[in-house]
Amino acid sequence: QREYEASKMAYRDIKNSIDTAKREGKEEGLAEGMEKGLAEGMEKGLAEGMKKGMEKGMNKRSLEIARKMLANGMDAATVMEITGLPESQLQQLKG
């Protein structure tokens, strides 16, 4: 009877140790995964923001150049070809 109880206690101790190790491993893995995911997300977001900012700045500069070209009497077709701007944006500059 005592051997059975001792065996049962040993089994419970081992099972508790395994369960604790699993839980701690999951928590550690989750924390590490979240940290890595956050870092990657921030890096990706920064790169995307930089790209959009550059595109916006380039478009603004193209509009300034187009405005000057039109003011100097250059035809719209040539302005569109040189700046790469669509006709709709040139119409906004004229209006």
C-alpha atoms as a PDB file:
ATOM      1  CA  GLN A   1       0.000   0.000   0.000  1.00  0.00           C
ATOM      2  CA  ARG A   2       2.797   2.437   0.943  1.00  0.00           C
ATOM      3  CA  GLU A   3       4.702   1.626  -2.212  1.00  0.00           C
ATOM      4  CA  TYR A   4       1.603   2.344  -4.245  1.00  0.00           C
ATOM      5  CA  GLU A   5       1.106   5.712  -2.501  1.00  0.00           C
ATOM      6  CA  ALA A   6       4.794   6.581  -2.940  1.00  0.00           C
ATOM      7  CA  SER A   7       4.594   5.632  -6.602  1.00  0.00           C
ATOM      8  CA  LYS A   8       1.472   7.753  -7.010  1.00  0.00           C
ATOM      9  CA  MET A   9       3.181  10.744  -5.351  1.00  0.00           C
ATOM     10  CA  ALA A  10       6.260  10.350  -7.542  1.00  0.00           C
ATOM     11  CA  TYR A  11       4.042  10.217 -10.637  1.00  0.00           C
ATOM     12  CA  ARG A  12       2.216  13.405  -9.565  1.00  0.00           C
ATOM     13  CA  ASP A  13       5.512  15.191  -8.890  1.00  0.00           C
ATOM     14  CA  ILE A  14       6.871  14.232 -12.305  1.00  0.00           C
ATOM     15  CA  LYS A  15       3.610  15.212 -14.019  1.00  0.00           C
ATOM     16  CA  ASN A  16       3.564  18.583 -12.223  1.00  0.00           C
ATOM     17  CA  SER A  17       7.171  19.209 -13.238  1.00  0.00           C
ATOM     18  CA  ILE A  18       6.393  18.400 -16.868  1.00  0.00           C
ATOM     19  CA  ASP A  19       3.237  20.542 -16.868  1.00  0.00           C
ATOM     20  CA  THR A  20       5.133  23.468 -15.324  1.00  0.00           C
ATOM     21  CA  ALA A  21       7.943  23.150 -17.870  1.00  0.00           C
ATOM     22  CA  LYS A  22       5.421  23.079 -20.731  1.00  0.00           C
ATOM     23  CA  ARG A  23       3.585  26.125 -19.408  1.00  0.00           C
ATOM     24  CA  GLU A  24       6.806  28.084 -18.885  1.00  0.00           C
ATOM     25  CA  GLY A  25       8.021  27.091 -22.348  1.00  0.00           C
ATOM     26  CA  LYS A  26       4.780  28.249 -23.951  1.00  0.00           C
ATOM     27  CA  GLU A  27       4.877  31.562 -22.078  1.00  0.00           C
ATOM     28  CA  GLU A  28       8.507  32.133 -23.036  1.00  0.00           C
ATOM     29  CA  GLY A  29       7.833  31.234 -26.670  1.00  0.00           C
ATOM     30  CA  LEU A  30       4.798  33.495 -26.808  1.00  0.00           C
ATOM     31  CA  ALA A  31       6.711  36.443 -25.328  1.00  0.00           C
ATOM     32  CA  GLU A  32       9.602  35.896 -27.736  1.00  0.00           C
ATOM     33  CA  GLY A  33       7.231  35.586 -30.695  1.00  0.00           C
ATOM     34  CA  MET A  34       5.364  38.745 -29.766  1.00  0.00           C
ATOM     35  CA  GLU A  35       8.613  40.686 -29.370  1.00  0.00           C
ATOM     36  CA  LYS A  36       9.904  39.498 -32.735  1.00  0.00           C
ATOM     37  CA  GLY A  37       6.564  40.159 -34.428  1.00  0.00           C
ATOM     38  CA  LEU A  38       6.390  43.672 -32.999  1.00  0.00           C
ATOM     39  CA  ALA A  39       9.924  44.467 -34.158  1.00  0.00           C
ATOM     40  CA  GLU A  40       9.217  43.154 -37.660  1.00  0.00           C
ATOM     41  CA  GLY A  41       5.916  45.027 -37.800  1.00  0.00           C
ATOM     42  CA  MET A  42       7.544  48.287 -36.776  1.00  0.00           C
ATOM     43  CA  GLU A  43      10.312  47.829 -39.339  1.00  0.00           C
ATOM     44  CA  LYS A  44       7.813  47.073 -42.078  1.00  0.00           C
ATOM     45  CA  GLY A  45       5.605  50.010 -41.073  1.00  0.00           C
ATOM     46  CA  LEU A  46       8.543  52.402 -41.067  1.00  0.00           C
ATOM     47  CA  ALA A  47       9.665  51.246 -44.516  1.00  0.00           C
ATOM     48  CA  GLU A  48       6.124  51.596 -45.890  1.00  0.00           C
ATOM     49  CA  GLY A  49       5.773  55.061 -44.356  1.00  0.00           C
ATOM     50  CA  MET A  50       9.086  56.165 -45.832  1.00  0.00           C
ATOM     51  CA  LYS A  51       8.068  54.861 -49.248  1.00  0.00           C
ATOM     52  CA  LYS A  52       4.716  56.670 -49.168  1.00  0.00           C
ATOM     53  CA  GLY A  53       6.366  59.865 -47.942  1.00  0.00           C
ATOM     54  CA  MET A  54       8.920  59.755 -50.748  1.00  0.00           C
ATOM     55  CA  GLU A  55       6.198  59.147 -53.340  1.00  0.00           C
ATOM     56  CA  LYS A  56       4.136  62.031 -51.988  1.00  0.00           C
ATOM     57  CA  GLY A  57       7.165  64.329 -52.013  1.00  0.00           C
ATOM     58  CA  MET A  58       8.075  63.348 -55.561  1.00  0.00           C
ATOM     59  CA  ASN A  59       4.500  63.921 -56.728  1.00  0.00           C
ATOM     60  CA  LYS A  60       4.453  67.350 -55.056  1.00  0.00           C
ATOM     61  CA  ARG A  61       7.718  68.263 -56.794  1.00  0.00           C
ATOM     62  CA  SER A  62       6.346  67.052 -60.149  1.00  0.00           C
ATOM     63  CA  LEU A  63       3.282  69.261 -59.641  1.00  0.00           C
ATOM     64  CA  GLU A  64       5.497  72.293 -58.927  1.00  0.00           C
ATOM     65  CA  ILE A  65       7.524  71.646 -62.070  1.00  0.00           C
ATOM     66  CA  ALA A  66       4.379  71.118 -64.152  1.00  0.00           C
ATOM     67  CA  ARG A  67       2.887  74.372 -62.846  1.00  0.00           C
ATOM     68  CA  LYS A  68       6.006  76.280 -63.949  1.00  0.00           C
ATOM     69  CA  MET A  69       6.079  74.553 -67.330  1.00  0.00           C
ATOM     70  CA  LEU A  70       2.436  75.408 -68.002  1.00  0.00           C
ATOM     71  CA  ALA A  71       2.992  78.993 -66.818  1.00  0.00           C
ATOM     72  CA  ASN A  72       5.820  79.278 -69.365  1.00  0.00           C
ATOM     73  CA  GLY A  73       3.478  78.241 -72.169  1.00  0.00           C
ATOM     74  CA  MET A  74       4.442  74.589 -72.595  1.00  0.00           C
ATOM     75  CA  ASP A  75       1.635  72.396 -73.954  1.00  0.00           C
ATOM     76  CA  ALA A  76      -0.073  69.894 -71.629  1.00  0.00           C
ATOM     77  CA  ALA A  77       0.965  66.809 -73.636  1.00  0.00           C
ATOM     78  CA  THR A  78       4.652  67.665 -73.286  1.00  0.00           C
ATOM     79  CA  VAL A  79       4.244  68.475 -69.587  1.00  0.00           C
ATOM     80  CA  MET A  80       2.530  65.100 -69.007  1.00  0.00           C
ATOM     81  CA  GLU A  81       5.279  63.268 -70.898  1.00  0.00           C
ATOM     82  CA  ILE A  82       8.097  64.931 -68.978  1.00  0.00           C
ATOM     83  CA  THR A  83       6.553  64.867 -65.478  1.00  0.00           C
ATOM     84  CA  GLY A  84       4.617  61.610 -65.763  1.00  0.00           C
ATOM     85  CA  LEU A  85       1.547  63.309 -64.278  1.00  0.00           C
ATOM     86  CA  PRO A  86      -1.920  62.329 -65.500  1.00  0.00           C
ATOM     87  CA  GLU A  87      -4.099  64.826 -67.347  1.00  0.00           C
ATOM     88  CA  SER A  88      -6.490  65.052 -64.390  1.00  0.00           C
ATOM     89  CA  GLN A  89      -3.745  66.523 -62.203  1.00  0.00           C
ATOM     90  CA  LEU A  90      -2.748  69.006 -64.896  1.00  0.00           C
ATOM     91  CA  GLN A  91      -6.371  70.119 -65.176  1.00  0.00           C
ATOM     92  CA  GLN A  92      -6.362  70.842 -61.442  1.00  0.00           C
ATOM     93  CA  LEU A  93      -3.291  73.028 -61.909  1.00  0.00           C
ATOM     94  CA  LYS A  94      -4.977  75.001 -64.680  1.00  0.00           C
ATOM     95  CA  GLY A  95      -8.228  75.425 -62.738  1.00  0.00           C
END
